[in-house]
N, C-alpha and C. Protein backbone atom coordinates (compact mmCIF):
# COMPACT_ATOMS: atom_id res chain seq x y z
N MET A 1 0.67 -1.29 -0.10
CA MET A 1 0.15 -0.03 0.11
C MET A 1 0.89 1.24 -0.09
N LYS A 2 2.02 1.02 0.45
CA LYS A 2 3.06 2.18 0.48
C LYS A 2 3.23 2.73 -0.78
N SER A 3 3.47 1.93 -1.77
CA SER A 3 3.76 2.37 -3.24
C SER A 3 2.40 3.00 -3.75
N ARG A 4 1.35 2.91 -3.20
CA ARG A 4 0.06 3.64 -3.50
C ARG A 4 -0.13 4.90 -2.89
N GLY A 5 0.85 5.40 -1.91
CA GLY A 5 0.62 6.44 -1.11
C GLY A 5 -0.22 6.31 0.09
N ILE A 6 -0.51 4.99 0.46
CA ILE A 6 -1.41 4.59 1.58
C ILE A 6 -0.59 4.13 2.76
N ASP A 7 -0.96 4.97 3.88
CA ASP A 7 -0.23 4.28 5.03
C ASP A 7 -1.04 3.35 5.97
N ILE A 8 -0.84 2.04 6.01
CA ILE A 8 -1.70 1.25 6.73
C ILE A 8 -0.99 0.61 7.97
N SER A 9 -0.04 1.37 8.30
CA SER A 9 0.96 0.92 9.36
C SER A 9 0.20 0.65 10.78
N SER A 10 -0.81 1.57 11.13
CA SER A 10 -1.79 1.47 12.30
C SER A 10 -2.63 0.48 11.93
N HIS A 11 -3.05 -0.11 10.91
CA HIS A 11 -4.15 -1.13 10.78
C HIS A 11 -3.79 -2.49 11.41
N ARG A 12 -4.65 -3.03 12.11
CA ARG A 12 -4.68 -4.20 12.76
C ARG A 12 -5.95 -5.21 12.42
N SER A 13 -5.70 -6.25 11.91
CA SER A 13 -7.00 -7.18 11.63
C SER A 13 -7.66 -7.35 12.91
N GLN A 14 -8.91 -7.80 12.84
CA GLN A 14 -9.68 -8.24 14.12
C GLN A 14 -10.73 -8.96 13.66
N PRO A 15 -11.14 -9.96 14.63
CA PRO A 15 -12.25 -10.91 14.34
C PRO A 15 -13.61 -9.98 14.11
N VAL A 16 -14.39 -10.45 13.18
CA VAL A 16 -15.84 -9.90 13.15
C VAL A 16 -16.49 -10.15 14.34
N SER A 17 -17.20 -9.07 14.73
CA SER A 17 -17.98 -9.11 16.06
C SER A 17 -19.29 -8.56 15.73
N HIS A 18 -20.28 -8.85 16.63
CA HIS A 18 -21.60 -8.08 16.62
C HIS A 18 -21.61 -6.66 16.43
N ASP A 19 -20.47 -6.16 17.53
CA ASP A 19 -20.46 -4.72 17.61
C ASP A 19 -19.98 -4.29 16.34
N LEU A 20 -18.93 -4.75 15.52
CA LEU A 20 -18.52 -4.19 14.42
C LEU A 20 -19.64 -4.27 13.20
N VAL A 21 -20.24 -5.33 13.26
CA VAL A 21 -21.31 -5.52 12.28
C VAL A 21 -22.38 -4.55 12.52
N ASN A 22 -22.90 -4.25 13.83
CA ASN A 22 -23.85 -3.09 14.17
C ASN A 22 -23.25 -1.61 13.84
N LYS A 23 -22.11 -1.47 13.80
CA LYS A 23 -21.36 -0.20 13.52
C LYS A 23 -21.36 0.11 12.15
N ALA A 24 -21.28 -0.87 11.36
CA ALA A 24 -20.94 -0.58 9.71
C ALA A 24 -22.25 -0.30 9.08
N GLU A 25 -22.08 0.64 8.36
CA GLU A 25 -23.24 1.02 7.18
C GLU A 25 -23.22 0.07 6.11
N CYS A 26 -22.27 -0.27 5.51
CA CYS A 26 -22.12 -1.32 4.56
C CYS A 26 -21.03 -2.39 4.77
N ILE A 27 -21.08 -3.69 4.62
CA ILE A 27 -20.20 -4.68 4.90
C ILE A 27 -19.94 -5.31 3.44
N PHE A 28 -18.61 -5.21 2.88
CA PHE A 28 -18.35 -6.03 1.44
C PHE A 28 -17.51 -7.04 1.74
N GLY A 29 -18.09 -8.23 1.12
CA GLY A 29 -17.36 -9.48 1.29
C GLY A 29 -16.44 -9.57 -0.02
N MET A 30 -15.30 -10.40 0.12
CA MET A 30 -14.50 -10.61 -1.16
C MET A 30 -14.90 -11.98 -1.84
N THR A 31 -15.55 -12.99 -0.86
CA THR A 31 -15.99 -14.16 -1.68
C THR A 31 -17.42 -14.39 -1.08
N LYS A 32 -18.14 -15.29 -1.97
CA LYS A 32 -19.17 -15.88 -1.32
C LYS A 32 -19.29 -16.49 -0.25
N GLU A 33 -18.07 -17.18 0.05
CA GLU A 33 -17.82 -17.94 1.29
C GLU A 33 -17.88 -16.96 2.58
N HIS A 34 -17.17 -15.75 2.36
CA HIS A 34 -17.31 -14.58 3.50
C HIS A 34 -18.72 -14.25 3.77
N THR A 35 -19.38 -13.95 2.65
CA THR A 35 -20.65 -13.46 2.95
C THR A 35 -21.62 -14.41 3.37
N ASP A 36 -21.62 -15.62 2.84
CA ASP A 36 -22.24 -16.81 3.53
C ASP A 36 -22.08 -16.92 5.03
N TYR A 37 -20.77 -16.87 5.33
CA TYR A 37 -20.36 -16.97 6.68
C TYR A 37 -21.20 -15.88 7.53
N LEU A 38 -20.86 -14.65 7.13
CA LEU A 38 -21.54 -13.49 7.97
C LEU A 38 -23.03 -13.66 7.71
N LYS A 39 -23.81 -14.13 6.78
CA LYS A 39 -25.12 -14.25 6.81
C LYS A 39 -25.70 -15.06 8.08
N MET A 40 -24.84 -16.37 8.11
CA MET A 40 -25.05 -17.41 9.06
C MET A 40 -24.86 -16.94 10.73
N ASN A 41 -23.78 -16.26 10.70
CA ASN A 41 -23.32 -16.08 12.14
C ASN A 41 -23.74 -14.51 12.49
N PHE A 42 -24.09 -13.59 11.72
CA PHE A 42 -24.54 -12.26 12.00
C PHE A 42 -25.82 -12.00 11.06
N PRO A 43 -26.76 -12.78 11.38
CA PRO A 43 -28.12 -12.50 10.38
C PRO A 43 -28.53 -10.97 10.30
N GLU A 44 -28.05 -10.10 11.46
CA GLU A 44 -28.51 -8.76 11.36
C GLU A 44 -27.78 -8.02 10.40
N CYS A 45 -26.80 -8.69 9.90
CA CYS A 45 -25.88 -7.83 8.61
C CYS A 45 -26.55 -7.99 7.23
N LYS A 46 -27.57 -8.85 7.23
CA LYS A 46 -28.04 -9.13 5.64
C LYS A 46 -28.35 -8.22 4.84
N ASN A 47 -28.98 -6.96 5.49
CA ASN A 47 -29.48 -5.83 4.63
C ASN A 47 -28.27 -4.76 4.38
N LYS A 48 -27.29 -5.00 4.75
CA LYS A 48 -26.12 -4.17 4.50
C LYS A 48 -24.79 -4.90 3.90
N LEU A 49 -25.10 -6.19 3.73
CA LEU A 49 -23.94 -6.84 3.28
C LEU A 49 -24.11 -7.22 1.64
N PHE A 50 -22.84 -7.04 1.14
CA PHE A 50 -22.70 -7.15 -0.40
C PHE A 50 -21.44 -7.95 -0.80
N LEU A 51 -21.61 -8.57 -1.82
CA LEU A 51 -20.36 -9.41 -2.48
C LEU A 51 -19.87 -8.22 -3.35
N LEU A 52 -18.57 -7.84 -3.08
CA LEU A 52 -17.98 -6.69 -3.68
C LEU A 52 -18.24 -6.55 -5.25
N LYS A 53 -17.85 -7.63 -5.63
CA LYS A 53 -18.06 -7.86 -7.17
C LYS A 53 -19.40 -7.97 -7.70
N ASP A 54 -20.32 -7.91 -6.88
CA ASP A 54 -21.94 -7.77 -7.40
C ASP A 54 -21.97 -6.35 -8.15
N PHE A 55 -21.18 -5.44 -7.82
CA PHE A 55 -21.37 -4.14 -8.57
C PHE A 55 -20.51 -4.00 -9.83
N THR A 56 -20.30 -5.05 -10.25
CA THR A 56 -19.25 -5.13 -11.58
C THR A 56 -20.04 -6.22 -12.44
N GLU A 57 -19.64 -6.28 -13.78
CA GLU A 57 -19.88 -7.14 -14.78
C GLU A 57 -19.08 -8.28 -14.66
N ASP A 58 -18.13 -8.41 -13.93
CA ASP A 58 -17.27 -9.68 -13.64
C ASP A 58 -18.20 -10.86 -13.70
N LYS A 59 -17.80 -12.05 -14.25
CA LYS A 59 -18.48 -13.24 -14.13
C LYS A 59 -17.93 -14.14 -12.88
N ASP A 60 -16.85 -14.08 -12.53
CA ASP A 60 -16.21 -14.52 -11.32
C ASP A 60 -16.42 -13.56 -10.21
N LYS A 61 -17.41 -13.84 -9.23
CA LYS A 61 -17.59 -12.97 -8.21
C LYS A 61 -16.82 -12.92 -7.01
N ASN A 62 -15.93 -13.80 -7.03
CA ASN A 62 -14.87 -13.85 -6.01
C ASN A 62 -13.60 -13.09 -6.23
N ILE A 63 -13.10 -12.45 -5.26
CA ILE A 63 -11.86 -11.82 -5.44
C ILE A 63 -10.93 -12.79 -4.55
N HIS A 64 -9.90 -13.21 -5.12
CA HIS A 64 -9.01 -14.22 -4.72
C HIS A 64 -8.11 -13.68 -3.60
N ASP A 65 -7.67 -14.19 -2.49
CA ASP A 65 -6.78 -13.68 -1.68
C ASP A 65 -5.45 -14.27 -2.13
N PRO A 66 -4.44 -13.23 -2.17
CA PRO A 66 -3.09 -13.50 -2.57
C PRO A 66 -2.19 -13.89 -1.43
N ILE A 67 -2.47 -14.31 -0.28
CA ILE A 67 -1.77 -14.82 0.68
C ILE A 67 -0.77 -15.62 0.36
N GLY A 68 0.45 -15.48 0.62
CA GLY A 68 1.34 -16.27 0.41
C GLY A 68 2.10 -16.22 -1.02
N LEU A 69 1.55 -15.25 -1.79
CA LEU A 69 1.98 -15.33 -3.19
C LEU A 69 2.89 -14.15 -3.57
N SER A 70 3.08 -13.81 -4.57
CA SER A 70 4.34 -12.82 -4.84
C SER A 70 3.72 -11.43 -4.56
N TYR A 71 4.76 -10.40 -4.72
CA TYR A 71 4.38 -9.14 -4.67
C TYR A 71 3.39 -8.63 -5.83
N GLU A 72 3.58 -9.13 -6.91
CA GLU A 72 2.78 -8.89 -8.20
C GLU A 72 1.49 -9.34 -8.06
N GLU A 73 1.18 -10.77 -7.25
CA GLU A 73 0.00 -10.95 -7.02
C GLU A 73 -0.92 -10.10 -6.13
N TYR A 74 -0.20 -9.64 -5.13
CA TYR A 74 -0.81 -8.68 -4.21
C TYR A 74 -1.03 -7.41 -4.76
N SER A 75 -0.20 -6.68 -5.67
CA SER A 75 -0.52 -5.84 -6.43
C SER A 75 -1.79 -5.76 -7.50
N GLN A 76 -1.99 -7.05 -7.94
CA GLN A 76 -3.05 -7.21 -8.95
C GLN A 76 -4.33 -7.20 -8.10
N CYS A 77 -4.19 -7.82 -6.91
CA CYS A 77 -5.43 -7.78 -5.86
C CYS A 77 -5.72 -6.63 -5.36
N ALA A 78 -4.72 -5.61 -5.05
CA ALA A 78 -5.11 -4.36 -4.76
C ALA A 78 -5.58 -3.59 -6.09
N ASP A 79 -5.19 -3.92 -7.19
CA ASP A 79 -5.98 -3.24 -8.44
C ASP A 79 -7.24 -3.59 -8.59
N GLU A 80 -7.55 -4.90 -8.35
CA GLU A 80 -8.91 -5.50 -8.45
C GLU A 80 -9.77 -4.96 -7.48
N LEU A 81 -9.35 -4.79 -5.99
CA LEU A 81 -10.05 -4.17 -5.11
C LEU A 81 -10.53 -2.58 -5.36
N GLU A 82 -9.44 -1.95 -5.78
CA GLU A 82 -9.67 -0.60 -5.97
C GLU A 82 -10.85 -0.44 -7.20
N ARG A 83 -10.57 -1.26 -8.15
CA ARG A 83 -11.69 -1.04 -9.25
C ARG A 83 -12.89 -1.32 -8.77
N CYS A 84 -13.26 -2.66 -7.97
CA CYS A 84 -14.48 -3.05 -7.49
C CYS A 84 -15.07 -2.01 -6.48
N LEU A 85 -14.28 -1.25 -5.71
CA LEU A 85 -14.54 -0.40 -4.70
C LEU A 85 -15.20 0.79 -5.37
N LYS A 86 -14.53 1.27 -6.40
CA LYS A 86 -14.94 2.49 -7.18
C LYS A 86 -16.27 2.27 -7.75
N LYS A 87 -16.56 1.00 -8.30
CA LYS A 87 -17.84 0.70 -9.01
C LYS A 87 -18.96 0.65 -7.73
N ALA A 88 -18.62 0.11 -6.71
CA ALA A 88 -19.54 0.01 -5.63
C ALA A 88 -19.81 1.33 -5.15
N LEU A 89 -18.83 2.13 -4.95
CA LEU A 89 -19.29 3.47 -4.42
C LEU A 89 -20.14 4.43 -5.40
N GLU A 90 -19.83 4.28 -6.51
CA GLU A 90 -20.60 4.75 -7.88
C GLU A 90 -22.08 4.51 -7.72
N LYS A 91 -22.34 3.15 -7.55
CA LYS A 91 -23.67 2.63 -7.50
C LYS A 91 -24.48 2.84 -6.05
N LEU A 92 -23.68 3.06 -5.21
CA LEU A 92 -24.24 3.17 -3.85
C LEU A 92 -24.62 4.64 -3.49
N LYS A 93 -23.96 5.61 -4.48
CA LYS A 93 -24.29 7.01 -3.99
C LYS A 93 -25.67 7.52 -4.11
């Protein structure tokens, strides 16, 4: 993210909780498995839960996690996330 001019040094991942779900206006899942898990474990989020690629014309609706892969794979994933987030924000305005 540094190469994109974004400082995420203070970011820390955390488990999903009812508190986080309740505070969120929108929740974007990267894969159908993510959204299915959230629907099952946090049913209160179903009206604000979206699969990120639902806002695109892409046939493959999953954004694949590059964990353990090369820097290039991470960069391509970041490009894909940026593209999908822009589409989602356009449609949600």
